[in-house]
Amino acid sequence: MAKETVDPEFCETKCPVCTAARKGHVLARLFQRIELFLTRGGCPYGRARQRKYGVRPDEAVPRKD
């Protein structure tokens, strides 16, 4: 059986909860904190984002200058 691949770009650019929470929306941040607590690290997309960028779903990707 083939392993399902999860796109980390969904969490980075399209997830309505994560993108709004990283922008500072209070309600989205609350939902995201609950999700991170219940799932111990975030949904599969958030964990894939963490593997790719090295930051949790509630953290911004550091800019390279």
N, C-alpha and C. Protein backbone atom coordinates (compact mmCIF):
# COMPACT_ATOMS: atom_id res chain seq x y z
N MET A 1 0.84 -1.18 0.00
CA MET A 1 0.00 0.00 0.00
C MET A 1 0.89 1.24 0.00
N ALA A 2 0.59 2.19 -0.85
CA ALA A 2 1.40 3.40 -0.98
C ALA A 2 1.14 4.34 0.18
N LYS A 3 2.21 4.98 0.62
CA LYS A 3 2.11 5.95 1.71
C LYS A 3 1.55 7.26 1.16
N GLU A 4 0.56 7.80 1.86
CA GLU A 4 -0.06 9.05 1.43
C GLU A 4 0.89 10.20 1.71
N THR A 5 1.10 11.05 0.71
CA THR A 5 1.96 12.21 0.91
C THR A 5 1.10 13.41 1.28
N VAL A 6 1.62 14.20 2.18
CA VAL A 6 0.90 15.37 2.67
C VAL A 6 1.67 16.61 2.26
N ASP A 7 1.00 17.57 1.69
CA ASP A 7 1.62 18.79 1.17
C ASP A 7 1.80 19.82 2.28
N PRO A 8 3.04 20.15 2.67
CA PRO A 8 3.25 21.15 3.70
C PRO A 8 2.85 22.56 3.26
N GLU A 9 2.75 22.77 1.96
CA GLU A 9 2.36 24.09 1.45
C GLU A 9 0.90 24.42 1.77
N PHE A 10 0.08 23.39 1.99
CA PHE A 10 -1.31 23.65 2.38
C PHE A 10 -1.34 24.41 3.69
N CYS A 11 -0.58 23.93 4.68
CA CYS A 11 -0.53 24.59 5.99
C CYS A 11 0.07 25.99 5.85
N GLU A 12 1.09 26.11 5.02
CA GLU A 12 1.80 27.38 4.87
C GLU A 12 0.95 28.46 4.21
N THR A 13 0.17 28.10 3.18
CA THR A 13 -0.50 29.15 2.40
C THR A 13 -2.01 29.06 2.31
N LYS A 14 -2.61 27.87 2.55
CA LYS A 14 -4.04 27.72 2.28
C LYS A 14 -4.90 27.38 3.48
N CYS A 15 -4.32 26.85 4.56
CA CYS A 15 -5.13 26.42 5.71
C CYS A 15 -5.79 27.65 6.34
N PRO A 16 -7.10 27.67 6.44
CA PRO A 16 -7.78 28.85 6.97
C PRO A 16 -7.47 29.12 8.45
N VAL A 17 -7.20 28.08 9.21
CA VAL A 17 -6.89 28.27 10.64
C VAL A 17 -5.45 28.71 10.81
N CYS A 18 -4.53 27.98 10.25
CA CYS A 18 -3.11 28.26 10.47
C CYS A 18 -2.67 29.61 9.88
N THR A 19 -3.10 29.91 8.67
CA THR A 19 -2.67 31.17 8.08
C THR A 19 -3.25 32.36 8.85
N ALA A 20 -4.49 32.26 9.28
CA ALA A 20 -5.09 33.35 10.06
C ALA A 20 -4.43 33.46 11.43
N ALA A 21 -4.10 32.34 12.05
CA ALA A 21 -3.46 32.37 13.37
C ALA A 21 -2.08 33.01 13.28
N ARG A 22 -1.33 32.69 12.24
CA ARG A 22 0.00 33.29 12.10
C ARG A 22 -0.09 34.78 11.81
N LYS A 23 -1.20 35.24 11.27
CA LYS A 23 -1.41 36.67 11.05
C LYS A 23 -1.87 37.38 12.31
N GLY A 24 -2.24 36.60 13.36
CA GLY A 24 -2.59 37.19 14.64
C GLY A 24 -4.06 37.24 14.98
N HIS A 25 -4.92 36.61 14.20
CA HIS A 25 -6.34 36.60 14.50
C HIS A 25 -6.60 35.78 15.77
N VAL A 26 -7.27 36.39 16.73
CA VAL A 26 -7.42 35.82 18.06
C VAL A 26 -8.18 34.49 18.05
N LEU A 27 -9.30 34.44 17.38
CA LEU A 27 -10.11 33.22 17.36
C LEU A 27 -9.36 32.07 16.67
N ALA A 28 -8.69 32.37 15.58
CA ALA A 28 -7.92 31.35 14.87
C ALA A 28 -6.77 30.85 15.75
N ARG A 29 -6.13 31.75 16.49
CA ARG A 29 -5.05 31.34 17.40
C ARG A 29 -5.58 30.39 18.48
N LEU A 30 -6.78 30.69 18.99
CA LEU A 30 -7.38 29.84 20.00
C LEU A 30 -7.65 28.44 19.43
N PHE A 31 -8.26 28.38 18.25
CA PHE A 31 -8.52 27.08 17.61
C PHE A 31 -7.22 26.33 17.35
N GLN A 32 -6.19 27.05 16.90
CA GLN A 32 -4.93 26.39 16.60
C GLN A 32 -4.28 25.85 17.87
N ARG A 33 -4.32 26.58 18.95
CA ARG A 33 -3.74 26.09 20.21
C ARG A 33 -4.46 24.85 20.71
N ILE A 34 -5.78 24.85 20.58
CA ILE A 34 -6.55 23.66 20.97
C ILE A 34 -6.15 22.47 20.09
N GLU A 35 -6.05 22.70 18.79
CA GLU A 35 -5.66 21.63 17.86
C GLU A 35 -4.27 21.12 18.18
N LEU A 36 -3.31 22.02 18.44
CA LEU A 36 -1.95 21.60 18.75
C LEU A 36 -1.91 20.77 20.04
N PHE A 37 -2.72 21.15 21.00
CA PHE A 37 -2.77 20.40 22.26
C PHE A 37 -3.38 19.02 22.06
N LEU A 38 -4.51 18.96 21.37
CA LEU A 38 -5.21 17.69 21.19
C LEU A 38 -4.47 16.71 20.29
N THR A 39 -3.79 17.21 19.29
CA THR A 39 -3.12 16.34 18.33
C THR A 39 -1.63 16.18 18.62
N ARG A 40 -1.16 16.84 19.66
CA ARG A 40 0.26 16.78 20.06
C ARG A 40 1.19 17.17 18.92
N GLY A 41 0.96 18.31 18.35
CA GLY A 41 1.87 18.81 17.32
C GLY A 41 1.21 19.29 16.06
N GLY A 42 -0.09 19.16 15.95
CA GLY A 42 -0.78 19.67 14.78
C GLY A 42 -1.27 18.57 13.85
N CYS A 43 -2.02 18.99 12.88
CA CYS A 43 -2.58 18.08 11.89
C CYS A 43 -1.45 17.55 11.01
N PRO A 44 -1.71 16.59 10.15
CA PRO A 44 -0.66 16.05 9.27
C PRO A 44 0.00 17.13 8.39
N TYR A 45 -0.77 18.12 7.97
CA TYR A 45 -0.21 19.20 7.15
C TYR A 45 0.75 20.06 7.97
N GLY A 46 0.37 20.34 9.22
CA GLY A 46 1.24 21.12 10.10
C GLY A 46 2.51 20.39 10.44
N ARG A 47 2.41 19.08 10.64
CA ARG A 47 3.62 18.28 10.92
C ARG A 47 4.52 18.21 9.69
N ALA A 48 3.93 18.12 8.50
CA ALA A 48 4.72 18.12 7.26
C ALA A 48 5.42 19.47 7.09
N ARG A 49 4.73 20.54 7.45
CA ARG A 49 5.33 21.87 7.39
C ARG A 49 6.49 21.98 8.36
N GLN A 50 6.34 21.37 9.53
CA GLN A 50 7.40 21.41 10.53
C GLN A 50 8.63 20.64 10.03
N ARG A 51 8.41 19.52 9.37
CA ARG A 51 9.53 18.75 8.82
C ARG A 51 10.24 19.54 7.72
N LYS A 52 9.47 20.23 6.87
CA LYS A 52 10.08 20.95 5.74
C LYS A 52 10.76 22.24 6.16
N TYR A 53 10.08 23.07 6.99
CA TYR A 53 10.60 24.39 7.33
C TYR A 53 11.27 24.46 8.70
N GLY A 54 11.06 23.45 9.54
CA GLY A 54 11.68 23.44 10.85
C GLY A 54 11.00 24.32 11.89
N VAL A 55 9.76 24.73 11.64
CA VAL A 55 9.01 25.53 12.60
C VAL A 55 7.63 24.92 12.81
N ARG A 56 7.10 25.12 14.01
CA ARG A 56 5.77 24.59 14.33
C ARG A 56 4.71 25.32 13.51
N PRO A 57 3.49 24.75 13.41
CA PRO A 57 2.43 25.39 12.63
C PRO A 57 2.05 26.79 13.12
N ASP A 58 2.31 27.08 14.40
CA ASP A 58 1.95 28.40 14.93
C ASP A 58 3.09 29.41 14.84
N GLU A 59 4.20 29.03 14.22
CA GLU A 59 5.34 29.92 14.08
C GLU A 59 5.55 30.31 12.62
N ALA A 60 6.04 31.52 12.42
CA ALA A 60 6.34 31.98 11.06
C ALA A 60 7.65 31.38 10.58
N VAL A 61 7.77 31.21 9.29
CA VAL A 61 9.02 30.72 8.71
C VAL A 61 10.02 31.87 8.75
N PRO A 62 11.24 31.61 9.28
CA PRO A 62 12.23 32.69 9.34
C PRO A 62 12.63 33.15 7.94
N ARG A 63 12.79 34.43 7.81
CA ARG A 63 13.21 35.00 6.51
C ARG A 63 14.70 34.87 6.35
N LYS A 64 15.13 34.59 5.13
CA LYS A 64 16.56 34.54 4.81
C LYS A 64 16.96 35.88 4.22
N ASP A 65 17.88 36.53 4.88
CA ASP A 65 18.33 37.86 4.38
C ASP A 65 19.58 37.77 3.59
